[in-house]
N, C-alpha and C. Protein backbone atom coordinates (compact mmCIF):
# COMPACT_ATOMS: atom_id res chain seq x y z
N MET A 1 55.59 65.49 151.01
CA MET A 1 56.03 64.18 151.44
C MET A 1 56.50 63.29 150.29
N PRO A 2 55.98 63.44 149.05
CA PRO A 2 56.45 62.57 147.97
C PRO A 2 57.95 62.69 147.71
N ALA A 3 58.53 63.86 147.97
CA ALA A 3 59.97 64.00 147.77
C ALA A 3 60.75 63.06 148.67
N TYR A 4 60.25 62.84 149.90
CA TYR A 4 60.91 61.89 150.79
C TYR A 4 60.83 60.48 150.22
N CYS A 5 59.72 60.14 149.59
CA CYS A 5 59.58 58.81 149.01
C CYS A 5 60.56 58.62 147.85
N ILE A 6 60.68 59.64 147.02
CA ILE A 6 61.61 59.56 145.89
C ILE A 6 63.06 59.60 146.40
N GLY A 7 63.34 60.52 147.32
CA GLY A 7 64.70 60.68 147.82
C GLY A 7 65.19 59.52 148.65
N SER A 8 64.26 58.78 149.28
CA SER A 8 64.67 57.67 150.13
C SER A 8 65.26 56.52 149.32
N GLU A 9 65.09 56.56 148.00
CA GLU A 9 65.74 55.56 147.16
C GLU A 9 67.25 55.81 147.08
N TYR A 10 67.66 57.05 147.30
CA TYR A 10 69.07 57.43 147.17
C TYR A 10 69.73 57.73 148.51
N PHE A 11 68.98 58.31 149.45
CA PHE A 11 69.52 58.71 150.75
C PHE A 11 68.66 58.12 151.86
N SER A 12 69.24 58.01 153.05
CA SER A 12 68.46 57.58 154.21
C SER A 12 67.60 58.75 154.69
N LEU A 13 66.61 58.47 155.50
CA LEU A 13 65.74 59.53 155.99
C LEU A 13 66.48 60.57 156.82
N PRO A 14 67.43 60.18 157.70
CA PRO A 14 68.19 61.23 158.42
C PRO A 14 68.97 62.14 157.47
N LEU A 15 69.54 61.58 156.42
CA LEU A 15 70.25 62.41 155.44
C LEU A 15 69.29 63.39 154.76
N LEU A 16 68.12 62.92 154.39
CA LEU A 16 67.15 63.79 153.74
C LEU A 16 66.71 64.91 154.67
N LYS A 17 66.55 64.61 155.95
CA LYS A 17 66.13 65.62 156.92
C LYS A 17 67.19 66.70 157.06
N ILE A 18 68.45 66.32 157.16
CA ILE A 18 69.54 67.29 157.30
C ILE A 18 69.67 68.13 156.03
N ILE A 19 69.55 67.50 154.87
CA ILE A 19 69.61 68.25 153.60
C ILE A 19 68.48 69.27 153.56
N ARG A 20 67.28 68.85 153.96
CA ARG A 20 66.13 69.77 153.95
C ARG A 20 66.36 70.95 154.87
N GLU A 21 66.89 70.71 156.06
CA GLU A 21 67.15 71.79 157.00
C GLU A 21 68.20 72.75 156.47
N ALA A 22 69.24 72.22 155.83
CA ALA A 22 70.30 73.08 155.28
C ALA A 22 69.74 73.97 154.17
N ILE A 23 68.95 73.39 153.28
CA ILE A 23 68.35 74.17 152.20
C ILE A 23 67.41 75.23 152.75
N THR A 24 66.59 74.85 153.74
CA THR A 24 65.65 75.79 154.35
C THR A 24 66.39 76.96 154.99
N LEU A 25 67.48 76.68 155.68
CA LEU A 25 68.25 77.74 156.33
C LEU A 25 68.84 78.70 155.31
N VAL A 26 69.40 78.17 154.24
CA VAL A 26 69.98 79.03 153.19
C VAL A 26 68.91 79.91 152.55
N VAL A 27 67.77 79.32 152.22
CA VAL A 27 66.69 80.08 151.60
C VAL A 27 66.17 81.15 152.55
N PHE A 28 66.00 80.80 153.82
CA PHE A 28 65.51 81.76 154.80
C PHE A 28 66.46 82.93 154.96
N ILE A 29 67.75 82.65 155.04
CA ILE A 29 68.73 83.73 155.20
C ILE A 29 68.74 84.63 153.96
N LEU A 30 68.72 84.02 152.78
CA LEU A 30 68.69 84.84 151.56
C LEU A 30 67.42 85.69 151.50
N PHE A 31 66.28 85.12 151.84
CA PHE A 31 65.02 85.87 151.84
C PHE A 31 65.07 87.02 152.84
N SER A 32 65.55 86.73 154.06
CA SER A 32 65.55 87.79 155.07
C SER A 32 66.52 88.91 154.74
N VAL A 33 67.65 88.59 154.14
CA VAL A 33 68.64 89.62 153.84
C VAL A 33 68.27 90.38 152.57
N LEU A 34 67.90 89.67 151.51
CA LEU A 34 67.66 90.33 150.23
C LEU A 34 66.28 90.96 150.12
N HIS A 35 65.27 90.27 150.57
CA HIS A 35 63.91 90.79 150.39
C HIS A 35 63.44 91.62 151.58
N MET A 36 63.68 91.14 152.78
CA MET A 36 63.18 91.82 153.98
C MET A 36 64.18 92.85 154.52
N LYS A 37 65.37 92.93 153.89
CA LYS A 37 66.39 93.93 154.24
C LYS A 37 66.86 93.84 155.70
N GLN A 38 66.93 92.62 156.21
CA GLN A 38 67.45 92.40 157.56
C GLN A 38 68.97 92.35 157.50
N LYS A 39 69.60 92.84 158.53
CA LYS A 39 71.06 92.77 158.59
C LYS A 39 71.47 91.37 159.02
N ILE A 40 72.60 90.92 158.49
CA ILE A 40 73.12 89.62 158.88
C ILE A 40 73.59 89.72 160.32
N GLN A 41 73.11 88.78 161.13
CA GLN A 41 73.47 88.77 162.54
C GLN A 41 74.36 87.57 162.82
N LEU A 42 74.99 87.62 163.96
CA LEU A 42 75.86 86.52 164.37
C LEU A 42 75.07 85.22 164.51
N ASN A 43 73.80 85.32 164.85
CA ASN A 43 72.95 84.12 164.96
C ASN A 43 72.88 83.37 163.64
N PHE A 44 72.81 84.12 162.52
CA PHE A 44 72.78 83.48 161.20
C PHE A 44 74.06 82.66 160.99
N LEU A 45 75.18 83.25 161.35
CA LEU A 45 76.46 82.56 161.19
C LEU A 45 76.50 81.29 162.04
N PHE A 46 76.10 81.39 163.29
CA PHE A 46 76.14 80.22 164.18
C PHE A 46 75.18 79.13 163.71
N ALA A 47 73.98 79.51 163.28
CA ALA A 47 73.02 78.54 162.78
C ALA A 47 73.56 77.86 161.53
N GLY A 48 74.17 78.63 160.66
CA GLY A 48 74.75 78.06 159.45
C GLY A 48 75.89 77.10 159.76
N LEU A 49 76.74 77.48 160.69
CA LEU A 49 77.86 76.61 161.07
C LEU A 49 77.36 75.30 161.69
N CYS A 50 76.35 75.40 162.54
CA CYS A 50 75.79 74.18 163.16
C CYS A 50 75.17 73.27 162.11
N THR A 51 74.44 73.86 161.19
CA THR A 51 73.79 73.06 160.15
C THR A 51 74.83 72.44 159.22
N MET A 52 75.84 73.21 158.83
CA MET A 52 76.87 72.65 157.97
C MET A 52 77.68 71.57 158.70
N GLY A 53 77.85 71.74 160.00
CA GLY A 53 78.48 70.68 160.79
C GLY A 53 77.65 69.42 160.79
N ALA A 54 76.33 69.56 160.91
CA ALA A 54 75.44 68.40 160.87
C ALA A 54 75.52 67.71 159.51
N VAL A 55 75.55 68.51 158.44
CA VAL A 55 75.67 67.94 157.09
C VAL A 55 76.99 67.17 156.97
N PHE A 56 78.06 67.77 157.44
CA PHE A 56 79.37 67.11 157.37
C PHE A 56 79.37 65.79 158.11
N PHE A 57 78.90 65.80 159.36
CA PHE A 57 78.96 64.59 160.17
C PHE A 57 78.01 63.51 159.69
N ILE A 58 76.84 63.87 159.22
CA ILE A 58 75.90 62.83 158.78
C ILE A 58 76.35 62.22 157.46
N PHE A 59 76.96 63.00 156.57
CA PHE A 59 77.46 62.42 155.33
C PHE A 59 78.74 61.63 155.57
N ARG A 60 79.55 62.07 156.52
CA ARG A 60 80.76 61.32 156.85
C ARG A 60 80.41 59.97 157.41
N GLN A 61 79.37 59.92 158.23
CA GLN A 61 78.93 58.67 158.84
C GLN A 61 78.40 57.71 157.77
N SER A 62 77.70 58.24 156.77
CA SER A 62 77.07 57.38 155.77
C SER A 62 78.09 56.78 154.80
N THR A 63 79.25 57.42 154.64
CA THR A 63 80.24 56.89 153.70
C THR A 63 81.27 56.03 154.39
N ALA A 64 81.31 56.05 155.72
CA ALA A 64 82.32 55.27 156.44
C ALA A 64 81.94 53.81 156.54
């Protein structure tokens, strides 16, 4: 939780939440593919696209 306190000086809480989810998704996909030897599935692609869309729209809203 301290990271939210530090990060909230620079970003809003919704921005921090979306950033956290994007990082978590990337780490999870890398872990599952590289360490657990799972094949990349279409679900990974769709989840990544949805998350990157959320990042795009939330950052676009904050700069407008």
